[in-house]
Every structure is written in C-alpha cells, then in structure tokens.
C-alpha cells in the first residue's frame, strides 16, 4: 500500500508480518555503525525484501547544496531513499521522495544537480532549485523532479518525460532503447548541461546536451562496452590542474580515461578495475561540491541481494552503502590510475587514543592482542626488504587479510588483487564495521569491498607473520564511534 504525504511516500507493509524491534533504532545487533543503511517508518518488519522499506540498492542523486550533502538510493523503483549530512559521515534519513506512480511506473536510478542560474526556470523562491533526473519505467524514459526547499519536498515535472530517445538525424536509426540511469552534470566551458545515459541494446553510453535541463539533443559518439549506472567527471593528474583527464565509470566501478571537448569523449585507455570486491556496484560521485572543496567523492552500493535477507537475518534493514571515498588520478609505473581512499572526515569518528607502533613481529606474536571493540580504522605499512616472512596475516574479527611479499599479492576476505611494493614498502588501510571490511592498498591504488559478518568467536585483531619475521614500519589502530544518534525505538 502506498501513502502519499506532501509529495513524499511512506510504504506500509500490511501484507508482511510486523515485528516489534527488540532494540532501539540503529542499535540493532547487525546494523552497520558507520555505513549508511535505511530505516523503516512504521509497521516495522524484519527481513525486508526488494523494494520494501529498509531496503536500498543503487546510489542516486548525490549532490551538495546549502551546507548539506544529499544522499539518495533506490528502493528498487518504489521511490528514492533520502538522507542528508553536514560532514559526509553522520547521516539523518528523511522521508522518501519521488514515489512511483501510475503515469510513469517505477522511479529508477538517476542523478541530481543544483540549477544555480535557474536555466530551467523551475526556481520559485530564494533557494536554488534542485533537479533530480530518473528513469521512469512505463516505458523507459527520462524524467525529472525538482525541489525548491533544499530537498525537503519534491514535485515531478508536469511535462515529463524530458527525453524519449530521439533520432540522431533525419533518416538515422533510433538510439538503442530502452535506456536508463541518467547522470547529469554541468559543462562550464560551454555553459551547458551534459547527460550520459546507458543504452541497453548496445551496452554503450550515450551523450546528450541541454541549455536548460528540459530540452535534450544527442551529441558525440557512443562509448562502447559499458554497463548501467554511468558516472563521468574530470580530475587533475597528480594534483596538476593543468593536466586533467576525463573519467567515465562503469556500473561496477570499472573506468576508462580520456578527453572530452563538450561533444565527444575520446577514450585513451582500456577499462581498468575500480574495486576488486564482489560487493561494489552502482557507484556515483557528488555533484556541486563547494567551491573551496574540489574533491571528487564517490559512494557505491554494497550489493549482496541474497534471498530472504540472508546476509542480515532478522534485521529491519537490508543492504548498505560503502564509506565515502575521495577519487584521485595518480601516475604509477603502470600508467595513470584512478585511486580511491576514505574521506578525511572519518577522523570525526575516532574514539579515544589510537594504538601506534612500529616493530618487528615474529611468528606467533600478536601486538594487537589487547585491543577490544568492533569498529576500526587500521593503517599499516610493511617493509618487505627488512622482512624475512613470505606472508603476513591480519585477522579482523574473523575476516582474513593476507599479503604475500614474494608474489606481491593482497588477499582480503578471500578476494585476491595484485598490489606492487613501492620502494620495498606496502601500505594497507582497513575499515572494519559490523558487516563489512573495506581494504585499500597503497593509498588507494586498489580497493576490495566486502560484506562480511564479524565473528564473535575470534579475537578482534590479530597481526602475525606465517613464517619468519615481518617489519612493521608504522601501524595505527583507531577505534570508531557510531554515526547514528540515539533516537529510541521506531518509529
């Protein structure tokens, strides 16, 4: 059953068994404590399924405006889950927006922008208008909704859809259809808007431009061999603003680098892996970042999608998001690579004094044996040249992270990835939550995202070589506080 209140949707699950929460909201036993998960608003139900309250999938509409980072995520076409944050870390969930309706069907994936110059003419008050693009499902067309009150209420555009797959020219074959997942951004050199859209029939991304967000024309050539949920942005190489590359990101985080002149994207690299884990999908970066903060910050859906909430049994939520990461382009011996690393705002969660050490560790020793807790930010650097061990192991609450010095291979929670030593050293950063382990190698050269349930039968942390000795040049362990406020029982 759908209940519409002031343009916002609340789902009621009269068809499923209700459950009275056993603990207060955000303190449930398996609730991630610094990764975003959705809440329910009424008729609380355990084990929510696809599209029900408490569920999230594709990350949508990330945009910054008026001192707030806006986060949206699909509720499998039923609506967009909505949350805001002042620091990218602590989130407050608001009622869901852009509900599905009889005219357009599902509200599927998309993006959001702030129309600073009111090119659309949709602004009605002193606040800048926020415009969200989404794929409707009857049939698949591109539609918009907009907000004139800092995202608190949204109205669907009365002249939707704004894009219905036009021909490129008279007599030319139509664009592949259906297509979906519009990512829209401002291209300042030409003072116009760009949309990148997935074409389902040819697995390519297609580009469109608009002066006003309402009228769109196709431009350029398709970007081939891509799949779902596109993202596109420009970054400096090695921080040099005079040397910039455009990045086109695939649904699973794979990416290509190239040049974009406002009309055509010319790829200069083959696709590269963005994250090696199996739980990394539907990525998006924030639009409209503050002028004094040019970072490109990404979030992804930690896709599990197991039946019957098997990953989070008897919990009133399902699925979670990655921790926000800053993206940079760095020149490595292998070429220019897109690197991702946790945003600096994680420091706001640090609890108490960190454990800091540098030492030689022998087989059977564990310098972390006295650390307790379940939420950690761990940074460690090994010196391969001073180590006699072939393999070092870090066990985090039952999840195993291994580095093989001889073969220069990292394995995190069963997922392998090559991680080269730099000047004989290798660095790891591990974020540990109740239901995930995110591992970063060499300041984000690689990352491995894994949904993992912590084991209460293992020590919180164990660091030891499997043979010989390992040289730890630096190790820092921060315990983390929860991002969630104490709000009592639902609703």
Protein backbone atom coordinates (compact mmCIF):
# COMPACT_ATOMS: atom_id res chain seq x y z
CA UNK A 1 0.00 0.00 0.00
CA UNK A 2 1.27 3.50 -0.84
CA UNK A 3 0.54 6.57 1.21
CA UNK A 4 1.37 9.93 -0.36
CA UNK A 5 2.06 12.79 2.05
CA UNK A 6 3.08 16.20 0.67
CA UNK A 7 4.89 14.69 -2.29
CA UNK A 8 6.71 12.12 -0.15
CA UNK A 9 5.99 8.42 0.07
CA UNK A 10 5.74 6.14 3.05
CA UNK A 11 5.36 2.43 2.36
CA UNK A 12 3.13 0.37 4.57
CA UNK A 13 3.60 -3.41 4.53
CA UNK A 14 0.25 -4.73 5.61
CA UNK A 15 0.94 -7.91 3.65
CA UNK A 16 4.00 -8.92 5.71
CA UNK A 17 4.42 -9.84 9.37
CA UNK A 18 5.15 -6.88 11.59
CA UNK A 19 7.79 -7.17 14.27
CA UNK A 20 8.36 -5.13 17.36
CA UNK A 21 12.02 -4.07 17.48
CA UNK A 22 13.98 -5.71 20.25
CA UNK A 23 16.49 -2.87 20.46
CA UNK A 24 16.38 0.82 19.68
CA UNK A 25 16.73 2.10 16.14
CA UNK A 26 20.32 1.99 14.76
CA UNK A 27 21.49 -0.15 17.67
CA UNK A 28 20.34 -3.50 16.22
CA UNK A 29 22.90 -6.29 16.55
CA UNK A 30 23.93 -6.40 12.88
CA UNK A 31 23.32 -2.75 11.98
CA UNK A 32 26.48 -1.22 10.40
CA UNK A 33 27.63 1.62 12.63
CA UNK A 34 29.44 3.87 10.14
CA UNK A 35 27.99 2.75 6.81
CA UNK A 36 24.59 4.05 5.70
CA UNK A 37 21.60 1.74 5.97
CA UNK A 38 17.92 2.60 5.67
CA UNK A 39 15.32 2.78 8.41
CA UNK A 40 11.63 1.94 8.33
CA UNK A 41 8.99 4.47 9.29
CA UNK A 42 6.03 2.43 10.51
CA UNK A 43 4.71 -1.14 10.72
CA UNK A 44 8.26 -2.29 11.34
CA UNK A 45 9.07 -5.53 9.58
CA UNK A 46 12.05 -7.82 9.94
CA UNK A 47 13.84 -9.13 6.86
CA UNK A 48 12.55 -6.53 4.37
CA UNK A 49 12.72 -7.69 0.77
CA UNK A 50 13.39 -5.98 -2.53
CA UNK A 51 11.60 -2.63 -2.72
CA UNK A 52 10.33 -2.63 0.84
CA UNK A 53 11.15 -0.02 3.46
CA UNK A 54 14.56 -0.67 4.95
CA UNK A 55 15.93 -1.78 1.58
CA UNK A 56 18.40 0.20 -0.56
CA UNK A 57 20.13 -0.54 -3.84
CA UNK A 58 21.61 1.82 -6.50
CA UNK A 59 23.14 5.04 -5.18
CA UNK A 60 21.34 8.01 -6.78
CA UNK A 61 21.29 11.79 -6.89
CA UNK A 62 24.38 12.61 -4.82
CA UNK A 63 24.55 16.41 -4.66
CA UNK A 64 25.74 19.14 -2.28
CA UNK A 65 23.71 22.23 -1.55
CA UNK A 66 23.35 24.74 1.27
CA UNK A 67 25.80 23.09 3.63
CA UNK A 68 24.31 19.61 3.19
CA UNK A 69 25.42 16.52 1.34
CA UNK A 70 22.32 14.85 -0.10
CA UNK A 71 22.29 11.08 -0.44
CA UNK A 72 19.64 9.18 -2.36
CA UNK A 73 19.34 5.48 -3.08
CA UNK A 74 16.83 3.42 -4.99
CA UNK A 75 14.24 1.42 -3.13
CA UNK A 76 14.04 -0.88 -6.15
CA UNK A 77 11.92 1.54 -8.18
CA UNK A 78 9.39 2.29 -5.44
CA UNK A 79 10.97 5.65 -4.55
CA UNK A 80 14.30 7.25 -3.63
CA UNK A 81 15.50 6.85 -0.05
CA UNK A 82 16.81 10.25 1.09
CA UNK A 83 19.34 11.31 3.75
CA UNK A 84 21.38 14.43 4.49
CA UNK A 85 24.68 15.06 6.21
CA UNK A 86 26.75 18.08 7.14
CA UNK A 87 30.03 16.15 7.13
CA UNK A 88 29.71 13.08 4.84
CA UNK A 89 29.81 10.87 7.92
CA UNK A 90 26.79 11.45 10.17
CA UNK A 91 23.53 10.90 8.26
CA UNK A 92 19.93 11.81 9.03
CA UNK A 93 17.38 9.94 6.97
CA UNK A 94 14.41 11.94 5.71
CA UNK A 95 11.13 10.58 4.33
CA UNK A 96 11.50 9.02 0.90
CA UNK A 97 10.84 11.08 -2.24
CA UNK A 98 9.79 10.70 -5.89
CA UNK A 99 7.40 7.78 -5.42
CA UNK A 100 6.42 5.53 -8.29
CA UNK A 101 3.04 6.40 -9.75
CA UNK A 102 0.53 5.10 -12.32
CA UNK A 103 1.64 7.53 -15.03
CA UNK A 104 5.34 6.69 -15.12
CA UNK A 105 5.75 3.46 -13.17
CA UNK A 106 8.99 2.91 -11.31
CA UNK A 107 11.26 5.71 -10.19
CA UNK A 108 14.52 4.07 -11.21
CA UNK A 109 18.12 5.26 -11.00
CA UNK A 110 19.42 8.72 -11.83
CA UNK A 111 21.23 11.78 -10.54
CA UNK A 112 20.67 15.30 -9.24
CA UNK A 113 22.04 18.80 -9.88
CA UNK A 114 21.63 22.29 -8.48
CA UNK A 115 20.47 24.71 -11.18
CA UNK A 116 22.48 27.66 -9.88
CA UNK A 117 21.50 30.01 -12.73
CA UNK A 118 17.89 28.80 -12.98
CA UNK A 119 18.39 27.71 -16.59
CA UNK A 120 15.30 25.53 -16.22
CA UNK A 121 13.05 28.32 -14.95
CA UNK A 122 11.82 25.97 -12.21
CA UNK A 123 13.05 28.07 -9.28
CA UNK A 124 10.16 29.71 -7.40
CA UNK A 125 11.79 31.24 -4.31
CA UNK A 126 15.11 32.34 -2.90
CA UNK A 127 16.52 28.82 -2.70
CA UNK A 128 18.20 27.42 -5.78
CA UNK A 129 16.18 24.69 -7.46
CA UNK A 130 17.45 21.13 -7.11
CA UNK A 131 16.62 18.95 -10.12
CA UNK A 132 16.63 15.16 -10.00
CA UNK A 133 16.78 13.00 -13.13
CA UNK A 134 15.42 9.47 -13.05
CA UNK A 135 14.34 6.75 -15.44
CA UNK A 136 10.61 6.10 -15.46
CA UNK A 137 9.51 2.61 -16.43
CA UNK A 138 6.27 2.95 -18.47
CA UNK A 139 8.07 2.95 -20.89
CA UNK A 140 11.72 3.64 -20.02
CA UNK A 141 12.03 7.41 -20.45
CA UNK A 142 13.99 10.12 -18.68
CA UNK A 143 12.00 12.28 -16.28
CA UNK A 144 12.71 14.95 -13.69
CA UNK A 145 11.52 16.03 -10.29
CA UNK A 146 12.51 19.25 -8.57
CA UNK A 147 12.69 20.84 -5.15
CA UNK A 148 12.63 24.50 -4.12
CA UNK A 149 13.07 23.90 -0.39
CA UNK A 150 16.55 22.34 -0.06
CA UNK A 151 15.30 18.89 -0.97
CA UNK A 152 12.62 18.58 1.69
CA UNK A 153 9.78 18.18 -0.80
CA UNK A 154 9.83 17.21 -4.47
CA UNK A 155 7.42 17.66 -7.37
CA UNK A 156 7.52 15.71 -10.61
CA UNK A 157 7.71 17.92 -13.70
CA UNK A 158 4.29 18.26 -15.30
CA UNK A 159 5.73 17.94 -18.82
CA UNK A 160 7.66 14.72 -18.21
CA UNK A 161 9.37 12.94 -19.87
CA UNK A 162 12.18 15.27 -20.93
CA UNK A 163 13.91 12.68 -23.15
CA UNK A 164 12.35 9.98 -25.32
CA UNK A 165 15.29 8.59 -27.32
CA UNK A 166 15.17 10.85 -30.42
CA UNK A 167 16.81 10.01 -33.74
CA UNK A 168 20.28 11.44 -34.22
CA UNK A 169 19.31 12.93 -37.58
CA UNK A 170 16.58 12.67 -40.13
CA UNK A 171 16.54 9.16 -41.53
CA UNK A 172 19.08 7.85 -39.00
CA UNK A 173 18.23 4.77 -36.95
CA UNK A 174 16.90 5.49 -33.47
CA UNK A 175 19.09 5.30 -30.41
CA UNK A 176 19.08 1.95 -28.62
CA UNK A 177 16.07 1.67 -26.36
CA UNK A 178 15.30 1.03 -23.59
CA UNK A 179 18.00 3.09 -21.92
CA UNK A 180 18.35 4.28 -18.36
CA UNK A 181 20.34 5.66 -15.40
CA UNK A 182 20.90 9.30 -16.46
CA UNK A 183 23.91 11.05 -14.90
CA UNK A 184 23.71 14.83 -15.48
CA UNK A 185 26.44 17.39 -14.83
CA UNK A 186 27.35 20.95 -15.76
CA UNK A 187 29.94 21.52 -18.52
CA UNK A 188 31.12 25.03 -17.71
CA UNK A 189 33.27 25.79 -20.80
CA UNK A 190 30.11 25.75 -22.98
CA UNK A 191 27.64 26.76 -20.24
CA UNK A 192 25.52 23.69 -20.88
CA UNK A 193 24.33 20.51 -19.24
CA UNK A 194 25.53 17.04 -20.22
CA UNK A 195 23.67 13.76 -19.72
CA UNK A 196 25.37 10.38 -20.02
CA UNK A 197 22.90 7.52 -20.41
CA UNK A 198 23.19 3.75 -20.72
CA UNK A 199 21.83 2.17 -23.91
CA UNK A 200 20.62 -1.33 -23.09
CA UNK A 201 20.63 -2.80 -26.59
CA UNK A 202 24.23 -1.96 -27.47
CA UNK A 203 25.79 -1.81 -23.96
CA UNK A 204 27.11 1.67 -24.70
CA UNK A 205 26.87 5.04 -23.02
CA UNK A 206 25.22 7.85 -25.00
CA UNK A 207 25.71 11.59 -24.55
CA UNK A 208 23.17 14.41 -24.70
CA UNK A 209 23.36 18.16 -24.10
CA UNK A 210 20.87 20.77 -22.96
CA UNK A 211 20.87 24.51 -22.28
CA UNK A 212 18.11 24.28 -19.69
CA UNK A 213 17.77 20.71 -18.31
CA UNK A 214 14.45 20.37 -20.13
CA UNK A 215 15.31 20.02 -23.83
CA UNK A 216 17.94 17.46 -24.81
CA UNK A 217 19.78 16.67 -28.05
CA UNK A 218 22.16 13.78 -28.75
CA UNK A 219 25.86 14.61 -29.20
CA UNK A 220 29.08 12.78 -29.94
CA UNK A 221 29.52 9.07 -30.40
CA UNK A 222 28.56 6.13 -28.17
CA UNK A 223 31.10 4.98 -25.58
CA UNK A 224 31.14 1.20 -26.15
CA UNK A 225 31.37 -1.79 -23.82
CA UNK A 226 29.80 -0.14 -20.79
CA UNK A 227 27.02 -1.31 -18.46
CA UNK A 228 24.42 0.53 -16.35
CA UNK A 229 24.81 3.36 -13.81
CA UNK A 230 27.30 5.66 -15.62
CA UNK A 231 29.31 8.42 -14.00
CA UNK A 232 31.51 10.98 -15.77
CA UNK A 233 33.79 13.69 -14.38
CA UNK A 234 37.14 15.42 -14.81
CA UNK A 235 40.14 15.14 -12.45
CA UNK A 236 43.66 16.59 -12.35
CA UNK A 237 46.52 14.12 -12.77
CA UNK A 238 48.78 14.08 -9.71
CA UNK A 239 47.06 17.24 -8.49
CA UNK A 240 48.23 19.24 -11.53
CA UNK A 241 45.25 21.35 -12.65
CA UNK A 242 46.99 22.00 -15.98
CA UNK A 243 46.92 18.27 -16.75
CA UNK A 244 43.41 16.89 -16.48
CA UNK A 245 41.65 13.76 -17.72
CA UNK A 246 38.01 12.80 -18.00
CA UNK A 247 36.90 9.64 -16.24
CA UNK A 248 33.95 7.51 -17.36
CA UNK A 249 32.90 4.97 -14.73
CA UNK A 250 31.02 1.75 -15.38
CA UNK A 251 28.27 0.37 -13.17
CA UNK A 252 30.68 -1.98 -11.39
CA UNK A 253 33.32 0.71 -10.87
CA UNK A 254 35.47 -0.12 -13.91
CA UNK A 255 36.63 3.03 -15.69
CA UNK A 256 38.27 4.49 -18.80
CA UNK A 257 40.27 7.73 -19.07
CA UNK A 258 40.18 10.15 -21.98
CA UNK A 259 39.43 13.62 -23.31
CA UNK A 260 36.03 15.33 -23.61
CA UNK A 261 35.50 18.51 -25.62
CA UNK A 262 31.86 19.06 -24.67
CA UNK A 263 30.66 16.92 -27.57
CA UNK A 264 32.77 13.78 -27.88
CA UNK A 265 34.57 11.60 -25.40
CA UNK A 266 37.75 10.00 -26.79
CA UNK A 267 38.98 7.12 -24.68
CA UNK A 268 42.74 6.91 -24.20
CA UNK A 269 42.90 3.79 -22.02
CA UNK A 270 41.30 0.39 -21.81
CA UNK A 271 38.92 -0.34 -18.96
CA UNK A 272 40.59 -0.75 -15.58
CA UNK A 273 39.26 -2.25 -12.38
CA UNK A 274 37.98 0.26 -9.85
CA UNK A 275 37.39 -2.16 -6.99
CA UNK A 276 38.15 -5.88 -6.82
CA UNK A 277 35.44 -6.88 -4.37
CA UNK A 278 32.16 -8.57 -5.31
CA UNK A 279 30.06 -6.11 -3.29
CA UNK A 280 30.80 -2.89 -5.16
CA UNK A 281 28.16 -1.62 -7.60
CA UNK A 282 26.10 1.34 -8.84
CA UNK A 283 28.69 3.97 -7.98
CA UNK A 284 28.10 7.71 -8.04
CA UNK A 285 30.00 10.88 -7.15
CA UNK A 286 28.69 14.06 -5.58
CA UNK A 287 27.75 16.94 -7.89
CA UNK A 288 28.04 20.63 -6.99
CA UNK A 289 30.78 20.30 -4.39
CA UNK A 290 31.66 23.53 -2.50
CA UNK A 291 33.94 25.90 -4.41
CA UNK A 292 36.55 25.64 -1.66
CA UNK A 293 36.46 21.82 -1.77
CA UNK A 294 37.21 20.45 -5.26
CA UNK A 295 37.32 16.82 -4.15
CA UNK A 296 35.54 14.16 -6.20
CA UNK A 297 33.83 11.89 -3.66
CA UNK A 298 32.29 8.53 -4.51
CA UNK A 299 29.82 6.19 -2.85
CA UNK A 300 28.65 2.75 -4.01
CA UNK A 301 26.02 0.17 -3.20
CA UNK A 302 27.44 -2.81 -1.28
CA UNK A 303 25.41 -5.22 -3.36
CA UNK A 304 24.59 -8.56 -1.77
CA UNK A 305 21.00 -9.17 -2.88
CA UNK A 306 20.69 -12.55 -1.20
CA UNK A 307 17.18 -14.02 -0.78
CA UNK A 308 15.28 -13.63 2.47
CA UNK A 309 17.74 -11.12 3.93
CA UNK A 310 20.23 -13.96 4.44
CA UNK A 311 23.10 -11.55 4.99
CA UNK A 312 21.32 -9.55 7.72
CA UNK A 313 19.00 -12.15 9.28
CA UNK A 314 16.10 -10.87 11.38
CA UNK A 315 17.12 -7.25 10.95
CA UNK A 316 14.72 -4.40 9.97
CA UNK A 317 17.06 -3.29 7.13
CA UNK A 318 18.65 -4.81 4.04
CA UNK A 319 21.77 -3.78 2.06
CA UNK A 320 24.24 -0.95 2.86
CA UNK A 321 26.46 1.68 1.19
CA UNK A 322 30.23 1.96 1.07
CA UNK A 323 32.02 4.56 3.15
CA UNK A 324 32.55 7.74 1.05
CA UNK A 325 35.92 7.83 -0.71
CA UNK A 326 37.89 10.57 -2.42
CA UNK A 327 38.91 9.81 -6.01
CA UNK A 328 42.24 10.96 -7.45
CA UNK A 329 44.28 10.29 -10.59
CA UNK A 330 47.86 9.24 -9.88
CA UNK A 331 50.70 8.34 -12.20
CA UNK A 332 52.04 4.90 -11.30
CA UNK A 333 54.66 2.79 -13.11
CA UNK A 334 51.73 1.01 -14.78
CA UNK A 335 50.24 4.32 -16.02
CA UNK A 336 47.63 6.79 -14.77
CA UNK A 337 45.22 5.10 -12.37
CA UNK A 338 42.06 6.13 -10.56
CA UNK A 339 42.65 5.77 -6.81
CA UNK A 340 40.03 5.79 -4.07
CA UNK A 341 40.64 6.42 -0.38
CA UNK A 342 38.40 7.08 2.65
CA UNK A 343 37.46 10.73 3.08
CA UNK A 344 39.32 12.61 5.79
CA UNK A 345 36.07 13.24 7.68
CA UNK A 346 36.37 9.74 9.15
CA UNK A 347 38.57 11.38 11.78
CA UNK A 348 35.37 12.78 13.30
CA UNK A 349 34.55 9.22 14.39
CA UNK A 350 37.84 8.48 16.16
CA UNK A 351 37.31 7.36 19.75
CA UNK A 352 39.97 7.67 22.44
CA UNK A 353 43.70 7.36 21.90
CA UNK A 354 44.90 5.28 18.95
CA UNK A 355 47.33 2.39 19.23
CA UNK A 356 50.52 3.43 17.42
CA UNK A 357 53.62 1.30 16.99
CA UNK A 358 56.49 0.21 14.76
CA UNK A 359 58.10 -3.14 15.41
CA UNK A 360 59.44 -6.45 14.17
CA UNK A 361 56.86 -9.22 14.66
CA UNK A 362 57.87 -12.87 14.96
CA UNK A 363 55.77 -15.90 14.12
CA UNK A 364 53.17 -16.41 16.85
CA UNK A 365 53.37 -12.86 18.20
CA UNK A 366 50.36 -10.52 18.13
CA UNK A 367 51.00 -6.89 19.16
CA UNK A 368 47.24 -6.18 18.85
CA UNK A 369 46.06 -8.85 21.28
CA UNK A 370 44.89 -6.39 23.94
CA UNK A 371 42.67 -4.30 21.63
CA UNK A 372 38.93 -4.74 22.05
CA UNK A 373 35.98 -3.41 20.07
CA UNK A 374 34.23 -3.96 16.75
CA UNK A 375 34.71 -0.74 14.73
CA UNK A 376 38.20 0.07 13.47
CA UNK A 377 40.22 2.21 11.09
CA UNK A 378 43.56 0.44 10.69
CA UNK A 379 46.61 1.77 8.81
CA UNK A 380 49.76 -0.35 8.49
CA UNK A 381 52.96 -0.22 6.44
CA UNK A 382 55.28 -3.18 5.93
CA UNK A 383 58.90 -3.07 4.81
CA UNK A 384 59.38 -6.05 2.50
CA UNK A 385 63.16 -5.58 2.31
CA UNK A 386 63.56 -5.92 6.07
CA UNK A 387 61.07 -8.79 6.44
CA UNK A 388 62.02 -12.46 6.28
CA UNK A 389 58.41 -13.62 6.21
CA UNK A 390 56.76 -14.52 2.92
CA UNK A 391 53.19 -13.92 4.13
CA UNK A 392 51.77 -11.66 6.83
CA UNK A 393 48.20 -12.06 8.08
CA UNK A 394 45.83 -9.57 9.65
CA UNK A 395 42.73 -11.17 11.14
CA UNK A 396 39.96 -8.65 11.82
CA UNK A 397 37.12 -10.21 13.80
CA UNK A 398 37.36 -13.43 11.83
CA UNK A 399 37.97 -11.90 8.39
CA UNK A 400 41.40 -12.69 6.96
CA UNK A 401 43.62 -10.19 5.15
CA UNK A 402 46.89 -11.60 3.75
CA UNK A 403 49.81 -10.05 1.96
CA UNK A 404 52.28 -12.24 0.06
CA UNK A 405 55.61 -10.40 -0.15
CA UNK A 406 57.10 -12.82 -2.69
CA UNK A 407 54.27 -12.63 -5.21
CA UNK A 408 53.16 -9.11 -4.27
CA UNK A 409 49.56 -10.22 -3.87
CA UNK A 410 46.96 -8.96 -1.44
CA UNK A 411 44.00 -11.11 -0.43
CA UNK A 412 41.16 -9.60 1.57
CA UNK A 413 38.29 -11.80 2.74
CA UNK A 414 39.06 -14.32 0.01
CA UNK A 415 39.40 -11.78 -2.82
CA UNK A 416 42.87 -11.53 -4.44
CA UNK A 417 44.40 -8.46 -6.11
CA UNK A 418 47.92 -7.62 -7.21
CA UNK A 419 49.50 -4.95 -5.01
CA UNK A 420 53.00 -3.90 -6.02
CA UNK A 421 55.53 -2.80 -3.43
CA UNK A 422 56.71 0.79 -3.78
CA UNK A 423 60.37 1.23 -2.81
CA UNK A 424 60.13 -2.06 -0.96
CA UNK A 425 57.13 -0.99 1.11
CA UNK A 426 53.43 -1.78 1.01
CA UNK A 427 50.65 0.11 2.79
CA UNK A 428 47.22 -1.16 3.84
CA UNK A 429 44.19 0.70 5.17
CA UNK A 430 41.28 -1.35 6.53
CA UNK A 431 37.87 -0.10 7.63
CA UNK A 432 36.07 -2.63 9.81
CA UNK A 433 32.36 -2.36 10.57
CA UNK A 434 29.93 -4.93 11.94
CA UNK A 435 29.03 -6.16 8.46
CA UNK A 436 31.86 -5.11 6.17
CA UNK A 437 35.59 -4.94 5.58
CA UNK A 438 36.91 -2.33 3.13
CA UNK A 439 40.59 -2.74 2.29
CA UNK A 440 42.74 -0.16 0.47
CA UNK A 441 46.26 -0.78 -0.81
CA UNK A 442 49.00 1.84 -1.22
CA UNK A 443 46.87 4.93 -0.56
CA UNK A 444 44.02 3.64 -2.71
CA UNK A 445 45.84 2.14 -5.72
CA UNK A 446 43.47 -0.78 -5.27
CA UNK A 447 40.46 -1.43 -3.07
CA UNK A 448 38.50 -4.52 -2.10
CA UNK A 449 34.94 -4.05 -0.81
CA UNK A 450 33.45 -6.99 1.06
CA UNK A 451 30.27 -7.50 3.01
CA UNK A 452 31.39 -9.69 5.90
CA UNK A 453 29.77 -10.59 9.18
CA UNK A 454 32.12 -10.25 12.12
CA UNK A 455 32.76 -13.34 14.20
CA UNK A 456 32.42 -13.12 17.97
CA UNK A 457 34.50 -16.30 18.30
CA UNK A 458 37.70 -14.63 17.05
CA UNK A 459 39.87 -12.02 18.75
CA UNK A 460 39.11 -8.52 17.49
CA UNK A 461 42.54 -8.11 15.87
CA UNK A 462 45.48 -10.38 15.17
CA UNK A 463 48.59 -9.42 13.21
CA UNK A 464 51.30 -12.04 12.69
CA UNK A 465 53.62 -13.47 10.02
CA UNK A 466 53.08 -17.04 8.86
CA UNK A 467 56.84 -17.59 8.93
CA UNK A 468 59.97 -15.66 9.86
CA UNK A 469 59.61 -12.02 10.86
CA UNK A 470 57.74 -9.06 9.39
CA UNK A 471 58.91 -5.47 9.68
CA UNK A 472 56.08 -3.07 10.55
CA UNK A 473 57.36 0.44 9.90
CA UNK A 474 54.13 2.02 11.15
CA UNK A 475 50.81 0.82 12.47
CA UNK A 476 47.89 2.88 13.76
CA UNK A 477 44.60 1.48 15.04
CA UNK A 478 41.72 3.88 15.67
CA UNK A 479 38.53 2.74 17.32
CA UNK A 480 35.45 4.36 15.81
CA UNK A 481 32.26 5.78 17.25
CA UNK A 482 28.85 5.12 15.72
CA UNK A 483 27.49 7.66 13.24
CA UNK A 484 23.96 7.14 14.50
CA UNK A 485 22.22 9.29 17.09
CA UNK A 486 20.29 7.76 19.94
CA UNK A 487 16.74 8.09 18.73
CA UNK A 488 14.87 5.47 20.72
CA UNK A 489 12.61 2.78 19.29
CA UNK A 490 10.98 3.02 15.88
CA UNK A 491 9.00 4.69 14.53
